[in-house]
Amino acid sequence: MADELKRALTTIVVICLFVALGSRANSLGAHTPIPTTLQKEAGMMNHSSGTFEVKLTPHSDKAGDKTLGRITIDKQWQGDLEGTSKGEMLTAGTAVKDSAGYVAIETVTGTLKGRKGTFVLQHSGIMTRGQGQLTIIVVPDSGTDQLEGLTGKMTIKIENGKHFYDFEYALAH
């Protein structure tokens, strides 16, 4: 049990480092743009920003591979996006310090600038010896209710332990 707890805590630390380093790289322009086809289909781009609180809960999988991890995500969103999200993250650490990867899927439920609905965010991140690249994009056709037709990408930044988001998006209607 102590090894599993140590692995889980190490994974969480690597992920937090990853997000902080990756978002710093994103704020310096090393981000993945929204594909041109999404921009053309979606119309005018909008921006939303705010903060979020996140709770990460590691799970002890009995796979025996200490480099892999699975974490449940619970978030509370504030700002232009008000609501909650729940998701799952898969992580991979390496023997090299500050090198790791993760993928995650989370369903967001709430209001985006007054429009109610749900949508799904897909995360894909890689960190190579401290250099991060993070892509968070809306899963196509995942928007419901007043968020139907939502497309976009999100960047995350951590400053002084506080999480911030910037969401560039478009709505088809």
Protein backbone atom coordinates (compact mmCIF):
# COMPACT_ATOMS: atom_id res chain seq x y z
CA MET A 1 0.00 0.00 0.00
CA ALA A 2 2.85 2.41 0.76
CA ASP A 3 4.31 1.85 -2.74
CA GLU A 4 0.92 2.55 -4.32
CA LEU A 5 0.50 5.76 -2.31
CA LYS A 6 4.03 6.86 -3.18
CA ARG A 7 3.38 6.15 -6.88
CA ALA A 8 0.09 8.07 -6.77
CA LEU A 9 1.64 11.09 -5.08
CA THR A 10 4.59 11.06 -7.48
CA THR A 11 2.18 10.93 -10.41
CA ILE A 12 0.18 13.87 -9.06
CA VAL A 13 3.35 15.91 -8.55
CA VAL A 14 4.51 15.13 -12.10
CA ILE A 15 1.10 16.11 -13.49
CA CYS A 16 1.06 19.38 -11.53
CA LEU A 17 4.56 20.16 -12.78
CA PHE A 18 3.46 19.20 -16.24
CA VAL A 19 0.44 21.49 -16.22
CA ALA A 20 2.42 24.40 -14.78
CA LEU A 21 5.30 23.99 -17.24
CA GLY A 22 3.04 23.18 -20.15
CA SER A 23 0.82 26.18 -19.52
CA ARG A 24 3.87 28.42 -19.22
CA ALA A 25 4.91 27.15 -22.64
CA ASN A 26 1.37 27.78 -23.89
CA SER A 27 1.43 31.35 -22.65
CA LEU A 28 4.68 31.81 -24.58
CA GLY A 29 3.00 30.73 -27.80
CA ALA A 30 3.80 26.99 -27.87
CA HIS A 31 0.20 25.88 -28.16
CA THR A 32 -1.73 23.85 -30.65
CA PRO A 33 -4.08 25.98 -32.77
CA ILE A 34 -7.67 25.03 -33.44
CA PRO A 35 -7.74 23.26 -36.80
CA THR A 36 -8.71 25.63 -39.62
CA THR A 37 -11.70 23.46 -40.53
CA LEU A 38 -13.14 23.96 -37.04
CA GLN A 39 -12.62 27.72 -37.28
CA LYS A 40 -14.36 27.89 -40.67
CA GLU A 41 -17.29 25.74 -39.56
CA ALA A 42 -17.73 27.48 -36.24
CA GLY A 43 -17.68 31.13 -37.31
CA MET A 44 -16.50 33.94 -35.03
CA MET A 45 -14.21 33.01 -32.14
CA ASN A 46 -15.05 34.09 -28.57
CA HIS A 47 -12.96 34.17 -25.40
CA SER A 48 -13.91 33.21 -21.88
CA SER A 49 -11.69 33.17 -18.84
CA GLY A 50 -11.81 32.49 -15.14
CA THR A 51 -10.54 30.17 -12.47
CA PHE A 52 -11.15 26.61 -11.40
CA GLU A 53 -10.50 24.40 -8.42
CA VAL A 54 -9.48 20.83 -9.06
CA LYS A 55 -9.49 17.70 -6.94
CA LEU A 56 -7.40 14.79 -8.25
CA THR A 57 -8.06 11.35 -6.78
CA PRO A 58 -5.50 8.66 -7.67
CA HIS A 59 -6.68 5.09 -8.09
CA SER A 60 -4.62 2.06 -7.24
CA ASP A 61 -4.74 -0.20 -10.25
CA LYS A 62 -3.37 -3.68 -9.78
CA ALA A 63 -1.60 -3.73 -13.17
CA GLY A 64 1.83 -3.94 -11.55
CA ASP A 65 3.33 -1.24 -13.79
CA LYS A 66 4.43 1.56 -11.47
CA THR A 67 4.96 3.98 -14.39
CA LEU A 68 1.23 4.09 -15.20
CA GLY A 69 -1.47 5.85 -13.21
CA ARG A 70 -5.18 6.60 -13.29
CA ILE A 71 -6.72 9.65 -11.63
CA THR A 72 -10.31 10.89 -11.27
CA ILE A 73 -10.78 14.62 -11.94
CA ASP A 74 -13.39 16.81 -10.18
CA LYS A 75 -13.45 20.54 -11.02
CA GLN A 76 -15.43 23.60 -9.99
CA TRP A 77 -15.37 26.32 -12.68
CA GLN A 78 -15.81 30.04 -11.96
CA GLY A 79 -15.86 33.06 -14.26
CA ASP A 80 -17.31 33.08 -17.76
CA LEU A 81 -17.69 29.31 -17.40
CA GLU A 82 -19.70 28.40 -14.28
CA GLY A 83 -20.21 24.77 -13.37
CA THR A 84 -18.57 21.46 -12.64
CA SER A 85 -16.73 18.77 -14.51
CA LYS A 86 -15.84 15.16 -13.92
CA GLY A 87 -13.31 13.11 -15.80
CA GLU A 88 -10.62 10.47 -15.94
CA MET A 89 -6.90 10.91 -16.51
CA LEU A 90 -4.34 8.31 -17.55
CA THR A 91 -0.69 9.10 -16.83
CA ALA A 92 2.69 7.69 -17.73
CA GLY A 93 5.87 8.61 -15.92
CA THR A 94 9.41 7.74 -16.92
CA ALA A 95 12.75 7.19 -15.21
CA VAL A 96 13.86 10.57 -16.58
CA LYS A 97 13.08 13.49 -14.27
CA ASP A 98 10.31 15.80 -15.56
CA SER A 99 9.36 13.56 -18.49
CA ALA A 100 5.80 12.28 -18.52
CA GLY A 101 2.58 12.15 -20.48
CA TYR A 102 -1.13 12.18 -19.86
CA VAL A 103 -4.47 11.99 -21.60
CA ALA A 104 -7.79 12.90 -20.03
CA ILE A 105 -11.46 13.23 -20.88
CA GLU A 106 -13.79 15.38 -18.80
CA THR A 107 -17.45 16.30 -19.15
CA VAL A 108 -18.24 19.92 -18.26
CA THR A 109 -21.76 20.79 -17.06
CA GLY A 110 -22.80 24.39 -16.54
CA THR A 111 -23.18 27.74 -18.27
CA LEU A 112 -20.79 29.43 -20.68
CA LYS A 113 -21.55 33.16 -20.76
CA GLY A 114 -25.17 32.39 -19.89
CA ARG A 115 -25.64 29.43 -22.26
CA LYS A 116 -26.51 26.19 -20.46
CA GLY A 117 -25.41 22.73 -21.46
CA THR A 118 -22.62 20.18 -21.38
CA PHE A 119 -19.54 19.50 -23.48
CA VAL A 120 -16.51 17.24 -23.36
CA LEU A 121 -12.88 18.36 -23.14
CA GLN A 122 -10.06 16.11 -24.38
CA HIS A 123 -6.58 16.68 -22.89
CA SER A 124 -3.32 15.47 -24.42
CA GLY A 125 -0.07 16.43 -22.78
CA ILE A 126 3.56 15.56 -22.96
CA MET A 127 6.52 16.82 -20.97
CA THR A 128 10.07 16.20 -22.14
CA ARG A 129 12.63 17.02 -19.43
CA GLY A 130 10.52 19.93 -18.22
CA GLN A 131 9.40 21.25 -21.62
CA GLY A 132 5.66 20.83 -21.82
CA GLN A 133 3.14 20.77 -24.63
CA LEU A 134 -0.52 20.67 -23.68
CA THR A 135 -3.57 20.54 -25.92
CA ILE A 136 -7.11 20.78 -24.53
CA ILE A 137 -9.83 20.77 -27.18
CA VAL A 138 -13.61 20.41 -27.24
CA VAL A 139 -14.59 16.98 -28.55
CA PRO A 140 -16.47 17.61 -31.83
CA ASP A 141 -20.27 17.46 -31.55
CA SER A 142 -20.15 16.95 -27.77
CA GLY A 143 -22.06 20.17 -26.92
CA THR A 144 -25.64 19.81 -25.74
CA ASP A 145 -28.62 22.13 -25.22
CA GLN A 146 -27.57 25.78 -25.71
CA LEU A 147 -23.94 24.67 -26.24
CA GLU A 148 -24.74 22.50 -29.26
CA GLY A 149 -22.20 23.11 -32.02
CA LEU A 150 -19.49 24.26 -29.58
CA THR A 151 -15.89 24.02 -30.82
CA GLY A 152 -12.74 25.37 -29.25
CA LYS A 153 -9.57 24.99 -27.27
CA MET A 154 -8.55 25.81 -23.72
CA THR A 155 -5.28 26.79 -22.10
CA ILE A 156 -4.49 26.44 -18.40
CA LYS A 157 -2.14 28.50 -16.30
CA ILE A 158 -1.14 28.05 -12.64
CA GLU A 159 0.09 31.06 -10.68
CA ASN A 160 0.78 30.99 -6.95
CA GLY A 161 -1.15 27.73 -6.64
CA LYS A 162 -4.29 29.14 -8.32
CA HIS A 163 -5.63 27.61 -11.58
CA PHE A 164 -6.72 29.88 -14.45
CA TYR A 165 -8.27 29.02 -17.80
CA ASP A 166 -8.60 30.82 -21.12
CA PHE A 167 -11.15 29.32 -23.47
CA GLU A 168 -11.22 30.25 -27.17
CA TYR A 169 -14.42 28.92 -28.68
CA ALA A 170 -17.16 29.30 -31.28
CA LEU A 171 -20.79 28.24 -31.44
CA ALA A 172 -22.30 27.09 -34.73
CA HIS A 173 -25.66 28.76 -33.93
